[in-house]
Protein backbone atom coordinates (compact mmCIF):
# COMPACT_ATOMS: atom_id res chain seq x y z
CA UNK A 1 -29.98 -216.13 -95.71
CA UNK A 2 -26.95 -217.54 -93.99
CA UNK A 3 -23.61 -217.32 -95.75
CA UNK A 4 -22.90 -220.79 -97.21
CA UNK A 5 -19.14 -220.30 -96.87
CA UNK A 6 -19.05 -219.31 -93.18
CA UNK A 7 -19.54 -222.08 -90.62
CA UNK A 8 -21.29 -220.82 -87.49
CA UNK A 9 -22.65 -222.43 -84.35
CA UNK A 10 -26.43 -222.47 -83.90
CA UNK A 11 -26.20 -219.66 -81.35
CA UNK A 12 -24.03 -217.49 -83.59
CA UNK A 13 -26.36 -218.10 -86.54
CA UNK A 14 -29.40 -217.15 -84.43
CA UNK A 15 -27.72 -213.96 -83.23
CA UNK A 16 -26.75 -212.96 -86.76
CA UNK A 17 -30.28 -213.59 -88.04
CA UNK A 18 -31.59 -211.45 -85.18
CA UNK A 19 -29.25 -208.65 -86.22
CA UNK A 20 -30.47 -209.02 -89.79
CA UNK A 21 -34.13 -208.69 -88.85
CA UNK A 22 -33.43 -205.58 -86.78
CA UNK A 23 -31.40 -203.96 -89.56
CA UNK A 24 -34.14 -204.80 -92.05
CA UNK A 25 -36.84 -203.34 -89.79
CA UNK A 26 -34.87 -200.11 -89.45
CA UNK A 27 -34.63 -199.76 -93.24
CA UNK A 28 -38.33 -200.31 -93.91
CA UNK A 29 -40.97 -197.64 -93.96
CA UNK A 30 -43.59 -197.57 -91.22
CA UNK A 31 -46.29 -199.08 -93.47
CA UNK A 32 -44.01 -202.01 -94.32
CA UNK A 33 -43.16 -202.58 -90.66
CA UNK A 34 -46.87 -202.53 -89.79
CA UNK A 35 -47.63 -205.03 -92.57
CA UNK A 36 -44.83 -207.27 -91.30
CA UNK A 37 -46.14 -206.93 -87.73
CA UNK A 38 -49.64 -207.88 -88.93
CA UNK A 39 -48.12 -211.10 -90.31
CA UNK A 40 -46.53 -211.86 -86.93
CA UNK A 41 -43.08 -210.71 -88.07
CA UNK A 42 -42.87 -213.90 -90.11
CA UNK A 43 -39.48 -214.74 -91.52
CA UNK A 44 -37.70 -217.73 -93.00
CA UNK A 45 -34.08 -218.64 -92.40
CA UNK A 46 -32.13 -220.66 -94.92
CA UNK A 47 -28.54 -221.22 -95.86
CA UNK A 48 -28.08 -219.63 -99.27
CA UNK A 49 -26.76 -221.65 -102.15
CA UNK A 50 -23.42 -220.35 -103.41
CA UNK A 51 -25.24 -219.02 -106.50
CA UNK A 52 -27.87 -217.18 -104.44
CA UNK A 53 -25.15 -215.67 -102.28
CA UNK A 54 -23.15 -214.50 -105.29
CA UNK A 55 -26.24 -212.90 -106.83
CA UNK A 56 -27.40 -211.07 -103.68
CA UNK A 57 -24.29 -210.21 -101.67
CA UNK A 58 -23.76 -206.45 -101.84
CA UNK A 59 -19.99 -206.40 -102.27
CA UNK A 60 -18.86 -202.80 -101.99
CA UNK A 61 -22.24 -201.28 -102.87
CA UNK A 62 -24.78 -201.86 -100.07
CA UNK A 63 -27.03 -199.06 -101.35
CA UNK A 64 -27.40 -200.78 -104.73
CA UNK A 65 -28.17 -204.09 -103.00
CA UNK A 66 -30.95 -202.42 -101.02
CA UNK A 67 -32.39 -200.52 -104.00
CA UNK A 68 -32.27 -203.39 -106.48
CA UNK A 69 -32.85 -206.48 -104.32
CA UNK A 70 -34.10 -205.25 -100.94
CA UNK A 71 -31.04 -206.81 -99.28
CA UNK A 72 -29.33 -205.73 -96.05
CA UNK A 73 -26.02 -207.37 -95.14
CA UNK A 74 -24.90 -208.21 -91.62
CA UNK A 75 -21.15 -207.75 -91.18
CA UNK A 76 -19.72 -209.41 -88.11
CA UNK A 77 -17.72 -207.34 -85.64
CA UNK A 78 -15.28 -210.19 -85.06
CA UNK A 79 -15.59 -210.51 -81.29
CA UNK A 80 -16.34 -214.24 -81.26
CA UNK A 81 -16.02 -216.95 -83.89
CA UNK A 82 -16.07 -214.98 -87.18
CA UNK A 83 -13.40 -212.71 -88.69
CA UNK A 84 -14.24 -208.98 -88.49
CA UNK A 85 -16.12 -207.62 -91.50
CA UNK A 86 -17.35 -211.01 -92.70
CA UNK A 87 -20.87 -210.90 -94.13
CA UNK A 88 -22.74 -213.59 -92.23
CA UNK A 89 -26.38 -212.96 -93.17
CA UNK A 90 -28.35 -211.28 -95.92
CA UNK A 91 -31.79 -210.10 -94.83
CA UNK A 92 -34.10 -209.56 -97.78
CA UNK A 93 -37.35 -207.61 -97.94
CA UNK A 94 -39.92 -209.94 -99.45
CA UNK A 95 -43.67 -209.85 -99.67
CA UNK A 96 -44.22 -206.79 -97.51
């Protein structure tokens, strides 16, 4: 999910989503990655509603976000159009 409060160009959004899928893949077990591969690495990209973002954003506890909601946050490095440390994308494990 894209952060509803952070405007990004299409290219920046695509890059951040790519980072999110790679971070998610690295956190999954091999069986989950294989199941995802078997589904063609299907994913859906949406801009979160402010309510969804508030419910899923990890705040200062990324481990809790992963354990409870299967969420990995992408924090931008700040080299281009986003301030450093801004969470741009939440990648969520779903249906694996």
